[in-house]
Amino acid sequence: EKGNPSVVGYVDSDYADDMDDGRSTAGYVFTLAGGPICWISSVQSIMAMSIIEAEYMAVAEAVK
């Protein structure tokens, strides 16, 4: 909306996609008025034991 830009965040993870060690890839992007202002994609430092845990870890990283 014009005159009232808002920050929106998107988070996702890919559970155990690293075939070497079973770790998940996670990423996030934050937008302001529809344009990206902050983003990252990286392999998670700890191996998640489930899809839900991988998603939770991604969200926890994004809100730091």
PDB file of N, CA and C in Angstrom:
ATOM      1  N   GLU A   1       0.831  -1.180   0.000  1.00  0.00           N
ATOM      2  CA  GLU A   1       0.000   0.000   0.000  1.00  0.00           C
ATOM      3  C   GLU A   1       0.874   1.241   0.000  1.00  0.00           C
ATOM      4  N   LYS A   2       0.503   2.211  -0.778  1.00  0.00           N
ATOM      5  CA  LYS A   2       1.237   3.467  -0.807  1.00  0.00           C
ATOM      6  C   LYS A   2       1.032   4.207   0.505  1.00  0.00           C
ATOM      7  N   GLY A   3       2.098   4.809   1.015  1.00  0.00           N
ATOM      8  CA  GLY A   3       2.014   5.560   2.244  1.00  0.00           C
ATOM      9  C   GLY A   3       2.058   4.720   3.504  1.00  0.00           C
ATOM     10  N   ASN A   4       1.968   3.403   3.370  1.00  0.00           N
ATOM     11  CA  ASN A   4       1.988   2.524   4.533  1.00  0.00           C
ATOM     12  C   ASN A   4       2.758   1.244   4.196  1.00  0.00           C
ATOM     13  N   PRO A   5       4.060   1.366   3.907  1.00  0.00           N
ATOM     14  CA  PRO A   5       4.820   0.162   3.560  1.00  0.00           C
ATOM     15  C   PRO A   5       4.951  -0.759   4.764  1.00  0.00           C
ATOM     16  N   SER A   6       4.914  -2.036   4.522  1.00  0.00           N
ATOM     17  CA  SER A   6       5.041  -2.993   5.618  1.00  0.00           C
ATOM     18  C   SER A   6       6.172  -3.979   5.327  1.00  0.00           C
ATOM     19  N   VAL A   7       6.750  -4.492   6.393  1.00  0.00           N
ATOM     20  CA  VAL A   7       7.783  -5.515   6.289  1.00  0.00           C
ATOM     21  C   VAL A   7       7.097  -6.874   6.327  1.00  0.00           C
ATOM     22  N   VAL A   8       7.436  -7.727   5.362  1.00  0.00           N
ATOM     23  CA  VAL A   8       6.878  -9.075   5.279  1.00  0.00           C
ATOM     24  C   VAL A   8       8.046 -10.054   5.214  1.00  0.00           C
ATOM     25  N   GLY A   9       7.956 -11.155   5.970  1.00  0.00           N
ATOM     26  CA  GLY A   9       9.005 -12.159   5.974  1.00  0.00           C
ATOM     27  C   GLY A   9       8.521 -13.492   5.439  1.00  0.00           C
ATOM     28  N   TYR A  10       9.393 -14.172   4.713  1.00  0.00           N
ATOM     29  CA  TYR A  10       9.125 -15.507   4.173  1.00  0.00           C
ATOM     30  C   TYR A  10      10.272 -16.417   4.603  1.00  0.00           C
ATOM     31  N   VAL A  11       9.941 -17.624   5.072  1.00  0.00           N
ATOM     32  CA  VAL A  11      10.938 -18.578   5.563  1.00  0.00           C
ATOM     33  C   VAL A  11      10.636 -19.942   4.968  1.00  0.00           C
ATOM     34  N   ASP A  12      11.693 -20.699   4.635  1.00  0.00           N
ATOM     35  CA  ASP A  12      11.491 -22.065   4.149  1.00  0.00           C
ATOM     36  C   ASP A  12      12.739 -22.885   4.448  1.00  0.00           C
ATOM     37  N   SER A  13      12.579 -24.193   4.472  1.00  0.00           N
ATOM     38  CA  SER A  13      13.716 -25.092   4.624  1.00  0.00           C
ATOM     39  C   SER A  13      13.508 -26.313   3.745  1.00  0.00           C
ATOM     40  N   ASP A  14      14.619 -26.954   3.417  1.00  0.00           N
ATOM     41  CA  ASP A  14      14.601 -28.182   2.631  1.00  0.00           C
ATOM     42  C   ASP A  14      15.213 -29.261   3.513  1.00  0.00           C
ATOM     43  N   TYR A  15      14.376 -30.133   4.051  1.00  0.00           N
ATOM     44  CA  TYR A  15      14.784 -31.114   5.054  1.00  0.00           C
ATOM     45  C   TYR A  15      15.805 -32.109   4.522  1.00  0.00           C
ATOM     46  N   ALA A  16      16.939 -32.205   5.208  1.00  0.00           N
ATOM     47  CA  ALA A  16      17.989 -33.210   4.966  1.00  0.00           C
ATOM     48  C   ALA A  16      18.381 -33.313   3.498  1.00  0.00           C
ATOM     49  N   ASP A  17      18.531 -32.175   2.822  1.00  0.00           N
ATOM     50  CA  ASP A  17      18.865 -32.219   1.399  1.00  0.00           C
ATOM     51  C   ASP A  17      20.356 -32.387   1.142  1.00  0.00           C
ATOM     52  N   ASP A  18      21.205 -32.200   2.142  1.00  0.00           N
ATOM     53  CA  ASP A  18      22.642 -32.385   1.979  1.00  0.00           C
ATOM     54  C   ASP A  18      22.950 -33.875   2.106  1.00  0.00           C
ATOM     55  N   MET A  19      23.274 -34.516   1.003  1.00  0.00           N
ATOM     56  CA  MET A  19      23.488 -35.968   0.992  1.00  0.00           C
ATOM     57  C   MET A  19      24.736 -36.389   1.766  1.00  0.00           C
ATOM     58  N   ASP A  20      25.685 -35.472   1.963  1.00  0.00           N
ATOM     59  CA  ASP A  20      26.917 -35.822   2.674  1.00  0.00           C
ATOM     60  C   ASP A  20      26.703 -35.983   4.171  1.00  0.00           C
ATOM     61  N   ASP A  21      25.924 -35.085   4.778  1.00  0.00           N
ATOM     62  CA  ASP A  21      25.773 -35.157   6.229  1.00  0.00           C
ATOM     63  C   ASP A  21      24.331 -35.066   6.724  1.00  0.00           C
ATOM     64  N   GLY A  22      23.354 -35.014   5.848  1.00  0.00           N
ATOM     65  CA  GLY A  22      21.951 -35.039   6.247  1.00  0.00           C
ATOM     66  C   GLY A  22      21.404 -33.738   6.796  1.00  0.00           C
ATOM     67  N   ARG A  23      22.185 -32.664   6.703  1.00  0.00           N
ATOM     68  CA  ARG A  23      21.690 -31.384   7.223  1.00  0.00           C
ATOM     69  C   ARG A  23      20.742 -30.723   6.222  1.00  0.00           C
ATOM     70  N   SER A  24      19.909 -29.839   6.739  1.00  0.00           N
ATOM     71  CA  SER A  24      18.903 -29.151   5.933  1.00  0.00           C
ATOM     72  C   SER A  24      19.413 -27.785   5.486  1.00  0.00           C
ATOM     73  N   THR A  25      18.860 -27.301   4.387  1.00  0.00           N
ATOM     74  CA  THR A  25      19.127 -25.945   3.924  1.00  0.00           C
ATOM     75  C   THR A  25      17.937 -25.088   4.308  1.00  0.00           C
ATOM     76  N   ALA A  26      18.215 -23.912   4.821  1.00  0.00           N
ATOM     77  CA  ALA A  26      17.148 -23.002   5.231  1.00  0.00           C
ATOM     78  C   ALA A  26      17.431 -21.615   4.679  1.00  0.00           C
ATOM     79  N   GLY A  27      16.373 -20.859   4.505  1.00  0.00           N
ATOM     80  CA  GLY A  27      16.551 -19.500   4.030  1.00  0.00           C
ATOM     81  C   GLY A  27      15.371 -18.634   4.387  1.00  0.00           C
ATOM     82  N   TYR A  28      15.596 -17.331   4.295  1.00  0.00           N
ATOM     83  CA  TYR A  28      14.514 -16.383   4.528  1.00  0.00           C
ATOM     84  C   TYR A  28      14.745 -15.135   3.702  1.00  0.00           C
ATOM     85  N   VAL A  29      13.682 -14.400   3.488  1.00  0.00           N
ATOM     86  CA  VAL A  29      13.751 -13.090   2.837  1.00  0.00           C
ATOM     87  C   VAL A  29      12.735 -12.188   3.522  1.00  0.00           C
ATOM     88  N   PHE A  30      13.138 -10.963   3.771  1.00  0.00           N
ATOM     89  CA  PHE A  30      12.238  -9.946   4.296  1.00  0.00           C
ATOM     90  C   PHE A  30      12.087  -8.877   3.231  1.00  0.00           C
ATOM     91  N   THR A  31      10.854  -8.427   3.023  1.00  0.00           N
ATOM     92  CA  THR A  31      10.583  -7.399   2.028  1.00  0.00           C
ATOM     93  C   THR A  31       9.994  -6.165   2.699  1.00  0.00           C
ATOM     94  N   LEU A  32      10.237  -5.023   2.086  1.00  0.00           N
ATOM     95  CA  LEU A  32       9.648  -3.762   2.524  1.00  0.00           C
ATOM     96  C   LEU A  32       8.999  -3.145   1.302  1.00  0.00           C
ATOM     97  N   ALA A  33       7.714  -2.928   1.376  1.00  0.00           N
ATOM     98  CA  ALA A  33       6.945  -2.380   0.253  1.00  0.00           C
ATOM     99  C   ALA A  33       7.137  -3.227  -1.005  1.00  0.00           C
ATOM    100  N   GLY A  34       7.291  -4.550  -0.827  1.00  0.00           N
ATOM    101  CA  GLY A  34       7.391  -5.468  -1.952  1.00  0.00           C
ATOM    102  C   GLY A  34       8.793  -5.722  -2.466  1.00  0.00           C
ATOM    103  N   GLY A  35       9.794  -4.996  -1.983  1.00  0.00           N
ATOM    104  CA  GLY A  35      11.176  -5.184  -2.426  1.00  0.00           C
ATOM    105  C   GLY A  35      12.007  -5.857  -1.348  1.00  0.00           C
ATOM    106  N   PRO A  36      12.920  -6.760  -1.740  1.00  0.00           N
ATOM    107  CA  PRO A  36      13.729  -7.465  -0.749  1.00  0.00           C
ATOM    108  C   PRO A  36      14.699  -6.520  -0.042  1.00  0.00           C
ATOM    109  N   ILE A  37      14.805  -6.654   1.280  1.00  0.00           N
ATOM    110  CA  ILE A  37      15.735  -5.825   2.049  1.00  0.00           C
ATOM    111  C   ILE A  37      16.752  -6.662   2.822  1.00  0.00           C
ATOM    112  N   CYS A  38      16.452  -7.941   3.043  1.00  0.00           N
ATOM    113  CA  CYS A  38      17.351  -8.814   3.797  1.00  0.00           C
ATOM    114  C   CYS A  38      17.043 -10.255   3.411  1.00  0.00           C
ATOM    115  N   TRP A  39      18.078 -11.040   3.115  1.00  0.00           N
ATOM    116  CA  TRP A  39      17.842 -12.428   2.744  1.00  0.00           C
ATOM    117  C   TRP A  39      19.080 -13.261   3.030  1.00  0.00           C
ATOM    118  N   ILE A  40      18.876 -14.570   3.183  1.00  0.00           N
ATOM    119  CA  ILE A  40      19.977 -15.503   3.390  1.00  0.00           C
ATOM    120  C   ILE A  40      19.502 -16.920   3.057  1.00  0.00           C
ATOM    121  N   SER A  41      20.434 -17.743   2.620  1.00  0.00           N
ATOM    122  CA  SER A  41      20.196 -19.168   2.420  1.00  0.00           C
ATOM    123  C   SER A  41      21.463 -19.884   2.853  1.00  0.00           C
ATOM    124  N   SER A  42      21.330 -20.878   3.739  1.00  0.00           N
ATOM    125  CA  SER A  42      22.511 -21.571   4.231  1.00  0.00           C
ATOM    126  C   SER A  42      22.147 -22.957   4.746  1.00  0.00           C
ATOM    127  N   VAL A  43      23.176 -23.785   4.887  1.00  0.00           N
ATOM    128  CA  VAL A  43      22.999 -25.114   5.472  1.00  0.00           C
ATOM    129  C   VAL A  43      22.892 -24.931   6.983  1.00  0.00           C
ATOM    130  N   GLN A  44      21.899 -25.565   7.590  1.00  0.00           N
ATOM    131  CA  GLN A  44      21.708 -25.441   9.034  1.00  0.00           C
ATOM    132  C   GLN A  44      22.871 -26.097   9.773  1.00  0.00           C
ATOM    133  N   SER A  45      23.272 -25.495  10.885  1.00  0.00           N
ATOM    134  CA  SER A  45      24.445 -25.970  11.624  1.00  0.00           C
ATOM    135  C   SER A  45      24.181 -27.265  12.396  1.00  0.00           C
ATOM    136  N   ILE A  46      22.925 -27.543  12.700  1.00  0.00           N
ATOM    137  CA  ILE A  46      22.549 -28.743  13.455  1.00  0.00           C
ATOM    138  C   ILE A  46      21.626 -29.600  12.594  1.00  0.00           C
ATOM    139  N   MET A  47      21.803 -30.919  12.639  1.00  0.00           N
ATOM    140  CA  MET A  47      20.960 -31.809  11.848  1.00  0.00           C
ATOM    141  C   MET A  47      19.579 -31.938  12.488  1.00  0.00           C
ATOM    142  N   ALA A  48      18.544 -31.573  11.752  1.00  0.00           N
ATOM    143  CA  ALA A  48      17.163 -31.702  12.230  1.00  0.00           C
ATOM    144  C   ALA A  48      16.729 -33.162  12.140  1.00  0.00           C
ATOM    145  N   MET A  49      15.883 -33.576  13.080  1.00  0.00           N
ATOM    146  CA  MET A  49      15.405 -34.953  13.102  1.00  0.00           C
ATOM    147  C   MET A  49      14.057 -35.129  12.401  1.00  0.00           C
ATOM    148  N   SER A  50      13.441 -34.016  11.969  1.00  0.00           N
ATOM    149  CA  SER A  50      12.163 -34.095  11.269  1.00  0.00           C
ATOM    150  C   SER A  50      11.981 -32.848  10.415  1.00  0.00           C
ATOM    151  N   ILE A  51      11.015 -32.913   9.519  1.00  0.00           N
ATOM    152  CA  ILE A  51      10.698 -31.755   8.678  1.00  0.00           C
ATOM    153  C   ILE A  51      10.238 -30.588   9.546  1.00  0.00           C
ATOM    154  N   ILE A  52       9.407 -30.867  10.533  1.00  0.00           N
ATOM    155  CA  ILE A  52       8.900 -29.814  11.423  1.00  0.00           C
ATOM    156  C   ILE A  52      10.048 -29.147  12.170  1.00  0.00           C
ATOM    157  N   GLU A  53      10.992 -29.935  12.659  1.00  0.00           N
ATOM    158  CA  GLU A  53      12.131 -29.361  13.374  1.00  0.00           C
ATOM    159  C   GLU A  53      12.973 -28.486  12.448  1.00  0.00           C
ATOM    160  N   ALA A  54      13.173 -28.910  11.200  1.00  0.00           N
ATOM    161  CA  ALA A  54      13.928 -28.106  10.238  1.00  0.00           C
ATOM    162  C   ALA A  54      13.234 -26.776   9.976  1.00  0.00           C
ATOM    163  N   GLU A  55      11.907 -26.805   9.832  1.00  0.00           N
ATOM    164  CA  GLU A  55      11.146 -25.567   9.615  1.00  0.00           C
ATOM    165  C   GLU A  55      11.224 -24.669  10.850  1.00  0.00           C
ATOM    166  N   TYR A  56      11.096 -25.256  12.040  1.00  0.00           N
ATOM    167  CA  TYR A  56      11.179 -24.484  13.281  1.00  0.00           C
ATOM    168  C   TYR A  56      12.546 -23.813  13.406  1.00  0.00           C
ATOM    169  N   MET A  57      13.606 -24.552  13.106  1.00  0.00           N
ATOM    170  CA  MET A  57      14.954 -23.996  13.180  1.00  0.00           C
ATOM    171  C   MET A  57      15.122 -22.842  12.194  1.00  0.00           C
ATOM    172  N   ALA A  58      14.526 -22.955  11.014  1.00  0.00           N
ATOM    173  CA  ALA A  58      14.604 -21.881  10.024  1.00  0.00           C
ATOM    174  C   ALA A  58      13.898 -20.628  10.525  1.00  0.00           C
ATOM    175  N   VAL A  59      12.724 -20.793  11.105  1.00  0.00           N
ATOM    176  CA  VAL A  59      11.978 -19.645  11.646  1.00  0.00           C
ATOM    177  C   VAL A  59      12.754 -19.016  12.799  1.00  0.00           C
ATOM    178  N   ALA A  60      13.310 -19.839  13.689  1.00  0.00           N
ATOM    179  CA  ALA A  60      14.072 -19.317  14.825  1.00  0.00           C
ATOM    180  C   ALA A  60      15.262 -18.492  14.353  1.00  0.00           C
ATOM    181  N   GLU A  61      15.917 -18.923  13.285  1.00  0.00           N
ATOM    182  CA  GLU A  61      17.048 -18.170  12.739  1.00  0.00           C
ATOM    183  C   GLU A  61      16.587 -16.850  12.128  1.00  0.00           C
ATOM    184  N   ALA A  62      15.455 -16.861  11.464  1.00  0.00           N
ATOM    185  CA  ALA A  62      14.953 -15.654  10.792  1.00  0.00           C
ATOM    186  C   ALA A  62      14.555 -14.560  11.772  1.00  0.00           C
ATOM    187  N   VAL A  63      14.070 -14.933  12.941  1.00  0.00           N
ATOM    188  CA  VAL A  63      13.582 -13.917  13.882  1.00  0.00           C
ATOM    189  C   VAL A  63      14.655 -13.423  14.853  1.00  0.00           C
ATOM    190  N   LYS A  64      15.870 -13.877  14.715  1.00  0.00           N
ATOM    191  CA  LYS A  64      16.958 -13.406  15.592  1.00  0.00           C
ATOM    192  C   LYS A  64      17.189 -11.926  15.412  1.00  0.00           C
TER     193      LYS A  64
END
